[in-house]
Amino acid sequence: MIALPRRAPPMTYDSAFVTDELVRQRSDAARRRPDHLANFLAGGLGADMPRGITADDVAAIQVPSLHFHGRDDRVVHFENSLKLVSLIPDSRMVLMNRCGHWLQLEHADEFNRLVADFVSAP
């Protein structure tokens, strides 16, 4: 059996959120869908836009959108989300401090409340 690291991986700000079970679950999920991992890697970490999508395409989005980003995300820089909300007319962004890429895990209560408020808004 492989020993798993106990330090915080790039996905979290706080290593307390990273359990051996969570690492196994995420690894198993990635192995089940190698096409997803390949697409992610082909897009490049921190790429401006996925291939084939232009800034005009993003600016044409006509539905309200809510974007979340961890300020301490070491996988995708928060400026990528800033670019999206600058292009999408009816959008807003929540930037969480002391938070990595797995914002929905590290700030679950606030994330769930904000999403519920967003989807239930008139």
PDB file of N, CA and C in Angstrom:
ATOM      1  N   MET A   1       0.839  -1.181   0.000  1.00  0.00           N
ATOM      2  CA  MET A   1       0.000   0.000   0.000  1.00  0.00           C
ATOM      3  C   MET A   1       0.881   1.240   0.000  1.00  0.00           C
ATOM      4  N   ILE A   2       0.465   2.259  -0.725  1.00  0.00           N
ATOM      5  CA  ILE A   2       1.206   3.507  -0.827  1.00  0.00           C
ATOM      6  C   ILE A   2       0.855   4.394   0.367  1.00  0.00           C
ATOM      7  N   ALA A   3       1.868   4.983   0.995  1.00  0.00           N
ATOM      8  CA  ALA A   3       1.633   5.929   2.091  1.00  0.00           C
ATOM      9  C   ALA A   3       1.212   7.263   1.488  1.00  0.00           C
ATOM     10  N   LEU A   4       0.150   7.830   2.011  1.00  0.00           N
ATOM     11  CA  LEU A   4      -0.366   9.096   1.502  1.00  0.00           C
ATOM     12  C   LEU A   4       0.218  10.262   2.284  1.00  0.00           C
ATOM     13  N   PRO A   5       0.494  11.390   1.631  1.00  0.00           N
ATOM     14  CA  PRO A   5       1.087  12.534   2.328  1.00  0.00           C
ATOM     15  C   PRO A   5       0.105  13.151   3.318  1.00  0.00           C
ATOM     16  N   ARG A   6       0.622  13.703   4.396  1.00  0.00           N
ATOM     17  CA  ARG A   6      -0.225  14.341   5.397  1.00  0.00           C
ATOM     18  C   ARG A   6      -0.192  15.858   5.266  1.00  0.00           C
ATOM     19  N   ARG A   7       0.526  16.386   4.313  1.00  0.00           N
ATOM     20  CA  ARG A   7       0.533  17.836   4.113  1.00  0.00           C
ATOM     21  C   ARG A   7      -0.633  18.217   3.207  1.00  0.00           C
ATOM     22  N   ALA A   8      -0.938  19.489   3.198  1.00  0.00           N
ATOM     23  CA  ALA A   8      -2.046  19.954   2.355  1.00  0.00           C
ATOM     24  C   ALA A   8      -1.642  19.873   0.889  1.00  0.00           C
ATOM     25  N   PRO A   9      -2.416  19.164   0.068  1.00  0.00           N
ATOM     26  CA  PRO A   9      -2.143  19.156  -1.368  1.00  0.00           C
ATOM     27  C   PRO A   9      -2.616  20.478  -1.970  1.00  0.00           C
ATOM     28  N   PRO A  10      -2.373  20.682  -3.251  1.00  0.00           N
ATOM     29  CA  PRO A  10      -2.782  21.948  -3.862  1.00  0.00           C
ATOM     30  C   PRO A  10      -4.289  22.225  -3.780  1.00  0.00           C
ATOM     31  N   MET A  11      -5.088  21.219  -3.504  1.00  0.00           N
ATOM     32  CA  MET A  11      -6.534  21.412  -3.522  1.00  0.00           C
ATOM     33  C   MET A  11      -7.093  22.121  -2.285  1.00  0.00           C
ATOM     34  N   THR A  12      -6.360  22.129  -1.182  1.00  0.00           N
ATOM     35  CA  THR A  12      -6.887  22.715   0.051  1.00  0.00           C
ATOM     36  C   THR A  12      -5.909  23.708   0.648  1.00  0.00           C
ATOM     37  N   TYR A  13      -6.451  24.628   1.414  1.00  0.00           N
ATOM     38  CA  TYR A  13      -5.631  25.561   2.186  1.00  0.00           C
ATOM     39  C   TYR A  13      -5.233  24.915   3.505  1.00  0.00           C
ATOM     40  N   ASP A  14      -6.168  24.210   4.119  1.00  0.00           N
ATOM     41  CA  ASP A  14      -5.986  23.614   5.435  1.00  0.00           C
ATOM     42  C   ASP A  14      -5.899  22.092   5.303  1.00  0.00           C
ATOM     43  N   SER A  15      -4.782  21.526   5.710  1.00  0.00           N
ATOM     44  CA  SER A  15      -4.578  20.076   5.565  1.00  0.00           C
ATOM     45  C   SER A  15      -5.545  19.252   6.410  1.00  0.00           C
ATOM     46  N   ALA A  16      -6.223  19.870   7.384  1.00  0.00           N
ATOM     47  CA  ALA A  16      -7.181  19.130   8.205  1.00  0.00           C
ATOM     48  C   ALA A  16      -8.331  18.573   7.360  1.00  0.00           C
ATOM     49  N   PHE A  17      -8.588  19.172   6.219  1.00  0.00           N
ATOM     50  CA  PHE A  17      -9.667  18.705   5.352  1.00  0.00           C
ATOM     51  C   PHE A  17      -9.263  17.488   4.530  1.00  0.00           C
ATOM     52  N   VAL A  18      -7.981  17.184   4.488  1.00  0.00           N
ATOM     53  CA  VAL A  18      -7.490  16.111   3.641  1.00  0.00           C
ATOM     54  C   VAL A  18      -7.310  14.850   4.484  1.00  0.00           C
ATOM     55  N   THR A  19      -8.232  13.934   4.316  1.00  0.00           N
ATOM     56  CA  THR A  19      -8.139  12.650   5.006  1.00  0.00           C
ATOM     57  C   THR A  19      -7.690  11.591   4.005  1.00  0.00           C
ATOM     58  N   ASP A  20      -7.179  10.499   4.511  1.00  0.00           N
ATOM     59  CA  ASP A  20      -6.797   9.403   3.624  1.00  0.00           C
ATOM     60  C   ASP A  20      -7.990   8.946   2.795  1.00  0.00           C
ATOM     61  N   GLU A  21      -9.170   8.895   3.413  1.00  0.00           N
ATOM     62  CA  GLU A  21     -10.379   8.462   2.705  1.00  0.00           C
ATOM     63  C   GLU A  21     -10.732   9.424   1.571  1.00  0.00           C
ATOM     64  N   LEU A  22     -10.630  10.723   1.808  1.00  0.00           N
ATOM     65  CA  LEU A  22     -10.930  11.700   0.762  1.00  0.00           C
ATOM     66  C   LEU A  22      -9.938  11.571  -0.390  1.00  0.00           C
ATOM     67  N   VAL A  23      -8.676  11.409  -0.079  1.00  0.00           N
ATOM     68  CA  VAL A  23      -7.668  11.238  -1.129  1.00  0.00           C
ATOM     69  C   VAL A  23      -7.977  10.000  -1.955  1.00  0.00           C
ATOM     70  N   ARG A  24      -8.341   8.915  -1.291  1.00  0.00           N
ATOM     71  CA  ARG A  24      -8.699   7.681  -2.013  1.00  0.00           C
ATOM     72  C   ARG A  24      -9.919   7.898  -2.902  1.00  0.00           C
ATOM     73  N   GLN A  25     -10.948   8.551  -2.368  1.00  0.00           N
ATOM     74  CA  GLN A  25     -12.162   8.791  -3.152  1.00  0.00           C
ATOM     75  C   GLN A  25     -11.864   9.621  -4.391  1.00  0.00           C
ATOM     76  N   ARG A  26     -11.092  10.688  -4.231  1.00  0.00           N
ATOM     77  CA  ARG A  26     -10.772  11.554  -5.366  1.00  0.00           C
ATOM     78  C   ARG A  26      -9.918  10.807  -6.395  1.00  0.00           C
ATOM     79  N   SER A  27      -8.968  10.018  -5.917  1.00  0.00           N
ATOM     80  CA  SER A  27      -8.117   9.248  -6.810  1.00  0.00           C
ATOM     81  C   SER A  27      -8.943   8.212  -7.573  1.00  0.00           C
ATOM     82  N   ASP A  28      -9.818   7.516  -6.862  1.00  0.00           N
ATOM     83  CA  ASP A  28     -10.686   6.524  -7.514  1.00  0.00           C
ATOM     84  C   ASP A  28     -11.585   7.177  -8.563  1.00  0.00           C
ATOM     85  N   ALA A  29     -12.134   8.329  -8.237  1.00  0.00           N
ATOM     86  CA  ALA A  29     -13.003   9.035  -9.187  1.00  0.00           C
ATOM     87  C   ALA A  29     -12.225   9.431 -10.439  1.00  0.00           C
ATOM     88  N   ALA A  30     -11.004   9.905 -10.265  1.00  0.00           N
ATOM     89  CA  ALA A  30     -10.181  10.283 -11.423  1.00  0.00           C
ATOM     90  C   ALA A  30      -9.839   9.065 -12.267  1.00  0.00           C
ATOM     91  N   ARG A  31      -9.546   7.962 -11.634  1.00  0.00           N
ATOM     92  CA  ARG A  31      -9.209   6.739 -12.379  1.00  0.00           C
ATOM     93  C   ARG A  31     -10.408   6.200 -13.156  1.00  0.00           C
ATOM     94  N   ARG A  32     -11.607   6.384 -12.621  1.00  0.00           N
ATOM     95  CA  ARG A  32     -12.812   5.908 -13.328  1.00  0.00           C
ATOM     96  C   ARG A  32     -13.077   6.709 -14.602  1.00  0.00           C
ATOM     97  N   ARG A  33     -12.608   7.962 -14.648  1.00  0.00           N
ATOM     98  CA  ARG A  33     -12.854   8.808 -15.820  1.00  0.00           C
ATOM     99  C   ARG A  33     -11.551   9.413 -16.330  1.00  0.00           C
ATOM    100  N   PRO A  34     -10.681   8.588 -16.910  1.00  0.00           N
ATOM    101  CA  PRO A  34      -9.406   9.122 -17.404  1.00  0.00           C
ATOM    102  C   PRO A  34      -9.595  10.176 -18.493  1.00  0.00           C
ATOM    103  N   ASP A  35     -10.732  10.143 -19.188  1.00  0.00           N
ATOM    104  CA  ASP A  35     -10.996  11.153 -20.212  1.00  0.00           C
ATOM    105  C   ASP A  35     -11.148  12.538 -19.578  1.00  0.00           C
ATOM    106  N   HIS A  36     -11.755  12.612 -18.389  1.00  0.00           N
ATOM    107  CA  HIS A  36     -11.888  13.904 -17.709  1.00  0.00           C
ATOM    108  C   HIS A  36     -10.519  14.447 -17.319  1.00  0.00           C
ATOM    109  N   LEU A  37      -9.678  13.582 -16.781  1.00  0.00           N
ATOM    110  CA  LEU A  37      -8.337  14.003 -16.393  1.00  0.00           C
ATOM    111  C   LEU A  37      -7.542  14.446 -17.612  1.00  0.00           C
ATOM    112  N   ALA A  38      -7.645  13.706 -18.693  1.00  0.00           N
ATOM    113  CA  ALA A  38      -6.930  14.060 -19.923  1.00  0.00           C
ATOM    114  C   ALA A  38      -7.398  15.417 -20.452  1.00  0.00           C
ATOM    115  N   ASN A  39      -8.716  15.657 -20.418  1.00  0.00           N
ATOM    116  CA  ASN A  39      -9.238  16.945 -20.878  1.00  0.00           C
ATOM    117  C   ASN A  39      -8.730  18.088 -20.001  1.00  0.00           C
ATOM    118  N   PHE A  40      -8.702  17.863 -18.689  1.00  0.00           N
ATOM    119  CA  PHE A  40      -8.218  18.878 -17.757  1.00  0.00           C
ATOM    120  C   PHE A  40      -6.754  19.207 -18.042  1.00  0.00           C
ATOM    121  N   LEU A  41      -5.947  18.169 -18.194  1.00  0.00           N
ATOM    122  CA  LEU A  41      -4.523  18.383 -18.434  1.00  0.00           C
ATOM    123  C   LEU A  41      -4.267  18.996 -19.806  1.00  0.00           C
ATOM    124  N   ALA A  42      -5.058  18.626 -20.789  1.00  0.00           N
ATOM    125  CA  ALA A  42      -4.883  19.178 -22.138  1.00  0.00           C
ATOM    126  C   ALA A  42      -5.215  20.663 -22.175  1.00  0.00           C
ATOM    127  N   GLY A  43      -6.139  21.091 -21.310  1.00  0.00           N
ATOM    128  CA  GLY A  43      -6.502  22.506 -21.264  1.00  0.00           C
ATOM    129  C   GLY A  43      -5.431  23.362 -20.629  1.00  0.00           C
ATOM    130  N   GLY A  44      -4.530  22.744 -19.913  1.00  0.00           N
ATOM    131  CA  GLY A  44      -3.469  23.490 -19.256  1.00  0.00           C
ATOM    132  C   GLY A  44      -3.951  24.087 -17.949  1.00  0.00           C
ATOM    133  N   LEU A  45      -3.155  23.965 -16.924  1.00  0.00           N
ATOM    134  CA  LEU A  45      -3.526  24.539 -15.636  1.00  0.00           C
ATOM    135  C   LEU A  45      -3.475  26.053 -15.737  1.00  0.00           C
ATOM    136  N   GLY A  46      -4.575  26.693 -15.364  1.00  0.00           N
ATOM    137  CA  GLY A  46      -4.620  28.143 -15.385  1.00  0.00           C
ATOM    138  C   GLY A  46      -4.786  28.731 -16.780  1.00  0.00           C
ATOM    139  N   ALA A  47      -5.207  27.921 -17.752  1.00  0.00           N
ATOM    140  CA  ALA A  47      -5.406  28.435 -19.103  1.00  0.00           C
ATOM    141  C   ALA A  47      -6.492  29.502 -19.093  1.00  0.00           C
ATOM    142  N   ASP A  48      -6.376  30.478 -20.001  1.00  0.00           N
ATOM    143  CA  ASP A  48      -7.348  31.564 -20.043  1.00  0.00           C
ATOM    144  C   ASP A  48      -8.755  31.063 -20.315  1.00  0.00           C
ATOM    145  N   MET A  49      -8.942  30.306 -21.354  1.00  0.00           N
ATOM    146  CA  MET A  49     -10.256  29.775 -21.731  1.00  0.00           C
ATOM    147  C   MET A  49     -10.058  28.363 -22.256  1.00  0.00           C
ATOM    148  N   PRO A  50     -11.029  27.488 -21.998  1.00  0.00           N
ATOM    149  CA  PRO A  50     -10.927  26.159 -22.612  1.00  0.00           C
ATOM    150  C   PRO A  50     -10.863  26.292 -24.127  1.00  0.00           C
ATOM    151  N   ARG A  51     -10.231  25.348 -24.740  1.00  0.00           N
ATOM    152  CA  ARG A  51     -10.074  25.385 -26.197  1.00  0.00           C
ATOM    153  C   ARG A  51     -11.424  25.464 -26.883  1.00  0.00           C
ATOM    154  N   GLY A  52     -11.506  26.339 -27.884  1.00  0.00           N
ATOM    155  CA  GLY A  52     -12.720  26.456 -28.672  1.00  0.00           C
ATOM    156  C   GLY A  52     -13.733  27.442 -28.116  1.00  0.00           C
ATOM    157  N   ILE A  53     -13.528  27.943 -26.912  1.00  0.00           N
ATOM    158  CA  ILE A  53     -14.448  28.921 -26.324  1.00  0.00           C
ATOM    159  C   ILE A  53     -13.768  30.280 -26.352  1.00  0.00           C
ATOM    160  N   THR A  54     -14.466  31.250 -26.900  1.00  0.00           N
ATOM    161  CA  THR A  54     -13.895  32.588 -27.009  1.00  0.00           C
ATOM    162  C   THR A  54     -14.480  33.509 -25.935  1.00  0.00           C
ATOM    163  N   ALA A  55     -13.851  34.640 -25.745  1.00  0.00           N
ATOM    164  CA  ALA A  55     -14.373  35.644 -24.812  1.00  0.00           C
ATOM    165  C   ALA A  55     -15.757  36.098 -25.259  1.00  0.00           C
ATOM    166  N   ASP A  56     -15.995  36.178 -26.564  1.00  0.00           N
ATOM    167  CA  ASP A  56     -17.320  36.551 -27.074  1.00  0.00           C
ATOM    168  C   ASP A  56     -18.368  35.503 -26.701  1.00  0.00           C
ATOM    169  N   ASP A  57     -17.993  34.219 -26.736  1.00  0.00           N
ATOM    170  CA  ASP A  57     -18.906  33.151 -26.325  1.00  0.00           C
ATOM    171  C   ASP A  57     -19.303  33.327 -24.862  1.00  0.00           C
ATOM    172  N   VAL A  58     -18.325  33.598 -24.031  1.00  0.00           N
ATOM    173  CA  VAL A  58     -18.597  33.768 -22.604  1.00  0.00           C
ATOM    174  C   VAL A  58     -19.448  35.011 -22.375  1.00  0.00           C
ATOM    175  N   ALA A  59     -19.134  36.092 -23.057  1.00  0.00           N
ATOM    176  CA  ALA A  59     -19.888  37.341 -22.906  1.00  0.00           C
ATOM    177  C   ALA A  59     -21.335  37.206 -23.368  1.00  0.00           C
ATOM    178  N   ALA A  60     -21.606  36.210 -24.186  1.00  0.00           N
ATOM    179  CA  ALA A  60     -22.967  35.994 -24.692  1.00  0.00           C
ATOM    180  C   ALA A  60     -23.852  35.228 -23.701  1.00  0.00           C
ATOM    181  N   ILE A  61     -23.304  34.776 -22.597  1.00  0.00           N
ATOM    182  CA  ILE A  61     -24.101  34.052 -21.598  1.00  0.00           C
ATOM    183  C   ILE A  61     -25.162  34.993 -21.054  1.00  0.00           C
ATOM    184  N   GLN A  62     -26.422  34.585 -21.137  1.00  0.00           N
ATOM    185  CA  GLN A  62     -27.539  35.461 -20.776  1.00  0.00           C
ATOM    186  C   GLN A  62     -28.252  35.059 -19.491  1.00  0.00           C
ATOM    187  N   VAL A  63     -27.708  34.131 -18.766  1.00  0.00           N
ATOM    188  CA  VAL A  63     -28.333  33.708 -17.510  1.00  0.00           C
ATOM    189  C   VAL A  63     -27.465  34.172 -16.345  1.00  0.00           C
ATOM    190  N   PRO A  64     -28.083  34.437 -15.208  1.00  0.00           N
ATOM    191  CA  PRO A  64     -27.283  34.828 -14.039  1.00  0.00           C
ATOM    192  C   PRO A  64     -26.300  33.714 -13.677  1.00  0.00           C
ATOM    193  N   SER A  65     -25.121  34.105 -13.259  1.00  0.00           N
ATOM    194  CA  SER A  65     -24.129  33.101 -12.855  1.00  0.00           C
ATOM    195  C   SER A  65     -23.451  33.531 -11.567  1.00  0.00           C
ATOM    196  N   LEU A  66     -23.126  32.541 -10.782  1.00  0.00           N
ATOM    197  CA  LEU A  66     -22.456  32.751  -9.502  1.00  0.00           C
ATOM    198  C   LEU A  66     -21.159  31.959  -9.535  1.00  0.00           C
ATOM    199  N   HIS A  67     -20.059  32.641  -9.306  1.00  0.00           N
ATOM    200  CA  HIS A  67     -18.740  32.026  -9.373  1.00  0.00           C
ATOM    201  C   HIS A  67     -18.107  32.047  -7.983  1.00  0.00           C
ATOM    202  N   PHE A  68     -17.477  30.954  -7.630  1.00  0.00           N
ATOM    203  CA  PHE A  68     -16.774  30.851  -6.356  1.00  0.00           C
ATOM    204  C   PHE A  68     -15.304  30.619  -6.636  1.00  0.00           C
ATOM    205  N   HIS A  69     -14.478  31.166  -5.771  1.00  0.00           N
ATOM    206  CA  HIS A  69     -13.048  30.899  -5.911  1.00  0.00           C
ATOM    207  C   HIS A  69     -12.368  31.029  -4.566  1.00  0.00           C
ATOM    208  N   GLY A  70     -11.438  30.133  -4.300  1.00  0.00           N
ATOM    209  CA  GLY A  70     -10.619  30.209  -3.104  1.00  0.00           C
ATOM    210  C   GLY A  70      -9.431  31.124  -3.361  1.00  0.00           C
ATOM    211  N   ARG A  71      -9.212  32.074  -2.489  1.00  0.00           N
ATOM    212  CA  ARG A  71      -8.125  33.045  -2.663  1.00  0.00           C
ATOM    213  C   ARG A  71      -6.759  32.360  -2.707  1.00  0.00           C
ATOM    214  N   ASP A  72      -6.642  31.236  -2.027  1.00  0.00           N
ATOM    215  CA  ASP A  72      -5.367  30.530  -1.945  1.00  0.00           C
ATOM    216  C   ASP A  72      -5.332  29.289  -2.834  1.00  0.00           C
ATOM    217  N   ASP A  73      -6.169  29.273  -3.859  1.00  0.00           N
ATOM    218  CA  ASP A  73      -6.217  28.171  -4.829  1.00  0.00           C
ATOM    219  C   ASP A  73      -4.872  28.105  -5.544  1.00  0.00           C
ATOM    220  N   ARG A  74      -4.206  26.961  -5.450  1.00  0.00           N
ATOM    221  CA  ARG A  74      -2.919  26.770  -6.121  1.00  0.00           C
ATOM    222  C   ARG A  74      -3.065  25.979  -7.410  1.00  0.00           C
ATOM    223  N   VAL A  75      -4.314  25.698  -7.808  1.00  0.00           N
ATOM    224  CA  VAL A  75      -4.568  24.966  -9.044  1.00  0.00           C
ATOM    225  C   VAL A  75      -4.967  25.938 -10.147  1.00  0.00           C
ATOM    226  N   VAL A  76      -5.916  26.813  -9.849  1.00  0.00           N
ATOM    227  CA  VAL A  76      -6.397  27.811 -10.804  1.00  0.00           C
ATOM    228  C   VAL A  76      -6.386  29.164 -10.094  1.00  0.00           C
ATOM    229  N   HIS A  77      -5.700  30.129 -10.658  1.00  0.00           N
ATOM    230  CA  HIS A  77      -5.602  31.442 -10.018  1.00  0.00           C
ATOM    231  C   HIS A  77      -6.952  32.160 -10.045  1.00  0.00           C
ATOM    232  N   PHE A  78      -7.252  32.905  -8.986  1.00  0.00           N
ATOM    233  CA  PHE A  78      -8.554  33.566  -8.888  1.00  0.00           C
ATOM    234  C   PHE A  78      -8.774  34.593  -9.995  1.00  0.00           C
ATOM    235  N   GLU A  79      -7.723  35.057 -10.629  1.00  0.00           N
ATOM    236  CA  GLU A  79      -7.893  36.003 -11.736  1.00  0.00           C
ATOM    237  C   GLU A  79      -8.667  35.383 -12.900  1.00  0.00           C
ATOM    238  N   ASN A  80      -8.652  34.046 -13.012  1.00  0.00           N
ATOM    239  CA  ASN A  80      -9.458  33.387 -14.048  1.00  0.00           C
ATOM    240  C   ASN A  80     -10.941  33.623 -13.797  1.00  0.00           C
ATOM    241  N   SER A  81     -11.361  33.535 -12.534  1.00  0.00           N
ATOM    242  CA  SER A  81     -12.765  33.809 -12.209  1.00  0.00           C
ATOM    243  C   SER A  81     -13.083  35.292 -12.384  1.00  0.00           C
ATOM    244  N   LEU A  82     -12.144  36.147 -12.044  1.00  0.00           N
ATOM    245  CA  LEU A  82     -12.360  37.588 -12.265  1.00  0.00           C
ATOM    246  C   LEU A  82     -12.603  37.874 -13.745  1.00  0.00           C
ATOM    247  N   LYS A  83     -11.851  37.194 -14.608  1.00  0.00           N
ATOM    248  CA  LYS A  83     -12.046  37.387 -16.050  1.00  0.00           C
ATOM    249  C   LYS A  83     -13.451  36.956 -16.457  1.00  0.00           C
ATOM    250  N   LEU A  84     -13.914  35.803 -15.950  1.00  0.00           N
ATOM    251  CA  LEU A  84     -15.258  35.337 -16.292  1.00  0.00           C
ATOM    252  C   LEU A  84     -16.320  36.339 -15.863  1.00  0.00           C
ATOM    253  N   VAL A  85     -16.248  36.825 -14.618  1.00  0.00           N
ATOM    254  CA  VAL A  85     -17.286  37.744 -14.161  1.00  0.00           C
ATOM    255  C   VAL A  85     -17.177  39.100 -14.840  1.00  0.00           C
ATOM    256  N   SER A  86     -16.015  39.432 -15.366  1.00  0.00           N
ATOM    257  CA  SER A  86     -15.908  40.680 -16.129  1.00  0.00           C
ATOM    258  C   SER A  86     -16.564  40.550 -17.499  1.00  0.00           C
ATOM    259  N   LEU A  87     -16.672  39.323 -18.000  1.00  0.00           N
ATOM    260  CA  LEU A  87     -17.257  39.087 -19.320  1.00  0.00           C
ATOM    261  C   LEU A  87     -18.752  38.791 -19.272  1.00  0.00           C
ATOM    262  N   ILE A  88     -19.210  38.084 -18.256  1.00  0.00           N
ATOM    263  CA  ILE A  88     -20.611  37.657 -18.187  1.00  0.00           C
ATOM    264  C   ILE A  88     -21.431  38.787 -17.583  1.00  0.00           C
ATOM    265  N   PRO A  89     -22.418  39.301 -18.313  1.00  0.00           N
ATOM    266  CA  PRO A  89     -23.151  40.488 -17.860  1.00  0.00           C
ATOM    267  C   PRO A  89     -23.825  40.350 -16.489  1.00  0.00           C
ATOM    268  N   ASP A  90     -24.507  39.262 -16.236  1.00  0.00           N
ATOM    269  CA  ASP A  90     -25.246  39.109 -14.973  1.00  0.00           C
ATOM    270  C   ASP A  90     -24.549  38.055 -14.122  1.00  0.00           C
ATOM    271  N   SER A  91     -23.381  38.422 -13.608  1.00  0.00           N
ATOM    272  CA  SER A  91     -22.609  37.461 -12.824  1.00  0.00           C
ATOM    273  C   SER A  91     -22.034  38.138 -11.592  1.00  0.00           C
ATOM    274  N   ARG A  92     -21.699  37.291 -10.635  1.00  0.00           N
ATOM    275  CA  ARG A  92     -20.999  37.787  -9.457  1.00  0.00           C
ATOM    276  C   ARG A  92     -20.059  36.691  -8.981  1.00  0.00           C
ATOM    277  N   MET A  93     -19.090  37.112  -8.189  1.00  0.00           N
ATOM    278  CA  MET A  93     -18.071  36.184  -7.728  1.00  0.00           C
ATOM    279  C   MET A  93     -17.918  36.290  -6.221  1.00  0.00           C
ATOM    280  N   VAL A  94     -17.756  35.143  -5.586  1.00  0.00           N
ATOM    281  CA  VAL A  94     -17.456  35.077  -4.159  1.00  0.00           C
ATOM    282  C   VAL A  94     -16.025  34.576  -4.045  1.00  0.00           C
ATOM    283  N   LEU A  95     -15.176  35.389  -3.452  1.00  0.00           N
ATOM    284  CA  LEU A  95     -13.777  35.037  -3.243  1.00  0.00           C
ATOM    285  C   LEU A  95     -13.585  34.753  -1.757  1.00  0.00           C
ATOM    286  N   MET A  96     -13.202  33.524  -1.428  1.00  0.00           N
ATOM    287  CA  MET A  96     -13.042  33.110  -0.031  1.00  0.00           C
ATOM    288  C   MET A  96     -11.566  33.137   0.346  1.00  0.00           C
ATOM    289  N   ASN A  97     -11.266  33.841   1.420  1.00  0.00           N
ATOM    290  CA  ASN A  97      -9.909  33.895   1.927  1.00  0.00           C
ATOM    291  C   ASN A  97      -9.594  32.629   2.715  1.00  0.00           C
ATOM    292  N   ARG A  98      -8.305  32.293   2.810  1.00  0.00           N
ATOM    293  CA  ARG A  98      -7.862  31.082   3.519  1.00  0.00           C
ATOM    294  C   ARG A  98      -8.595  29.853   2.973  1.00  0.00           C
ATOM    295  N   CYS A  99      -8.569  29.737   1.651  1.00  0.00           N
ATOM    296  CA  CYS A  99      -9.318  28.682   0.985  1.00  0.00           C
ATOM    297  C   CYS A  99      -8.605  28.267  -0.292  1.00  0.00           C
ATOM    298  N   GLY A 100      -8.532  26.953  -0.516  1.00  0.00           N
ATOM    299  CA  GLY A 100      -7.914  26.421  -1.717  1.00  0.00           C
ATOM    300  C   GLY A 100      -8.923  26.132  -2.813  1.00  0.00           C
ATOM    301  N   HIS A 101      -8.626  25.137  -3.629  1.00  0.00           N
ATOM    302  CA  HIS A 101      -9.442  24.803  -4.791  1.00  0.00           C
ATOM    303  C   HIS A 101     -10.758  24.140  -4.401  1.00  0.00           C
ATOM    304  N   TRP A 102     -10.782  23.450  -3.282  1.00  0.00           N
ATOM    305  CA  TRP A 102     -11.996  22.755  -2.849  1.00  0.00           C
ATOM    306  C   TRP A 102     -12.803  23.628  -1.904  1.00  0.00           C
ATOM    307  N   LEU A 103     -13.219  24.774  -2.381  1.00  0.00           N
ATOM    308  CA  LEU A 103     -13.998  25.725  -1.585  1.00  0.00           C
ATOM    309  C   LEU A 103     -15.249  25.087  -1.010  1.00  0.00           C
ATOM    310  N   GLN A 104     -15.921  24.275  -1.796  1.00  0.00           N
ATOM    311  CA  GLN A 104     -17.169  23.646  -1.351  1.00  0.00           C
ATOM    312  C   GLN A 104     -16.944  22.693  -0.182  1.00  0.00           C
ATOM    313  N   LEU A 105     -15.725  22.263   0.027  1.00  0.00           N
ATOM    314  CA  LEU A 105     -15.385  21.415   1.161  1.00  0.00           C
ATOM    315  C   LEU A 105     -14.920  22.267   2.345  1.00  0.00           C
ATOM    316  N   GLU A 106     -14.018  23.181   2.072  1.00  0.00           N
ATOM    317  CA  GLU A 106     -13.427  23.977   3.141  1.00  0.00           C
ATOM    318  C   GLU A 106     -14.397  24.999   3.753  1.00  0.00           C
ATOM    319  N   HIS A 107     -15.348  25.439   2.984  1.00  0.00           N
ATOM    320  CA  HIS A 107     -16.340  26.414   3.459  1.00  0.00           C
ATOM    321  C   HIS A 107     -17.743  25.923   3.109  1.00  0.00           C
ATOM    322  N   ALA A 108     -18.013  24.680   3.450  1.00  0.00           N
ATOM    323  CA  ALA A 108     -19.241  24.006   3.021  1.00  0.00           C
ATOM    324  C   ALA A 108     -20.507  24.738   3.444  1.00  0.00           C
ATOM    325  N   ASP A 109     -20.605  25.167   4.686  1.00  0.00           N
ATOM    326  CA  ASP A 109     -21.844  25.814   5.152  1.00  0.00           C
ATOM    327  C   ASP A 109     -22.124  27.104   4.389  1.00  0.00           C
ATOM    328  N   GLU A 110     -21.106  27.931   4.244  1.00  0.00           N
ATOM    329  CA  GLU A 110     -21.307  29.195   3.528  1.00  0.00           C
ATOM    330  C   GLU A 110     -21.561  28.953   2.043  1.00  0.00           C
ATOM    331  N   PHE A 111     -20.832  28.018   1.468  1.00  0.00           N
ATOM    332  CA  PHE A 111     -21.034  27.665   0.063  1.00  0.00           C
ATOM    333  C   PHE A 111     -22.471  27.211  -0.170  1.00  0.00           C
ATOM    334  N   ASN A 112     -22.948  26.284   0.646  1.00  0.00           N
ATOM    335  CA  ASN A 112     -24.313  25.763   0.483  1.00  0.00           C
ATOM    336  C   ASN A 112     -25.357  26.852   0.670  1.00  0.00           C
ATOM    337  N   ARG A 113     -25.155  27.734   1.645  1.00  0.00           N
ATOM    338  CA  ARG A 113     -26.102  28.824   1.870  1.00  0.00           C
ATOM    339  C   ARG A 113     -26.140  29.773   0.677  1.00  0.00           C
ATOM    340  N   LEU A 114     -24.980  30.140   0.167  1.00  0.00           N
ATOM    341  CA  LEU A 114     -24.929  31.067  -0.974  1.00  0.00           C
ATOM    342  C   LEU A 114     -25.535  30.460  -2.228  1.00  0.00           C
ATOM    343  N   VAL A 115     -25.272  29.181  -2.467  1.00  0.00           N
ATOM    344  CA  VAL A 115     -25.866  28.513  -3.642  1.00  0.00           C
ATOM    345  C   VAL A 115     -27.376  28.438  -3.479  1.00  0.00           C
ATOM    346  N   ALA A 116     -27.852  28.045  -2.299  1.00  0.00           N
ATOM    347  CA  ALA A 116     -29.294  27.955  -2.077  1.00  0.00           C
ATOM    348  C   ALA A 116     -29.952  29.320  -2.265  1.00  0.00           C
ATOM    349  N   ASP A 117     -29.351  30.373  -1.741  1.00  0.00           N
ATOM    350  CA  ASP A 117     -29.881  31.720  -1.933  1.00  0.00           C
ATOM    351  C   ASP A 117     -29.908  32.103  -3.411  1.00  0.00           C
ATOM    352  N   PHE A 118     -28.856  31.759  -4.127  1.00  0.00           N
ATOM    353  CA  PHE A 118     -28.747  32.109  -5.541  1.00  0.00           C
ATOM    354  C   PHE A 118     -29.817  31.403  -6.376  1.00  0.00           C
ATOM    355  N   VAL A 119     -29.989  30.103  -6.167  1.00  0.00           N
ATOM    356  CA  VAL A 119     -30.948  29.368  -6.995  1.00  0.00           C
ATOM    357  C   VAL A 119     -32.399  29.653  -6.608  1.00  0.00           C
ATOM    358  N   SER A 120     -32.616  30.143  -5.409  1.00  0.00           N
ATOM    359  CA  SER A 120     -33.997  30.442  -4.992  1.00  0.00           C
ATOM    360  C   SER A 120     -34.367  31.916  -5.195  1.00  0.00           C
ATOM    361  N   ALA A 121     -33.417  32.721  -5.639  1.00  0.00           N
ATOM    362  CA  ALA A 121     -33.705  34.145  -5.869  1.00  0.00           C
ATOM    363  C   ALA A 121     -34.682  34.299  -7.030  1.00  0.00           C
ATOM    364  N   PRO A 122     -35.579  35.266  -6.918  1.00  0.00           N
ATOM    365  CA  PRO A 122     -36.560  35.470  -8.011  1.00  0.00           C
ATOM    366  C   PRO A 122     -35.902  35.969  -9.287  1.00  0.00           C
TER     367      PRO A 122
END
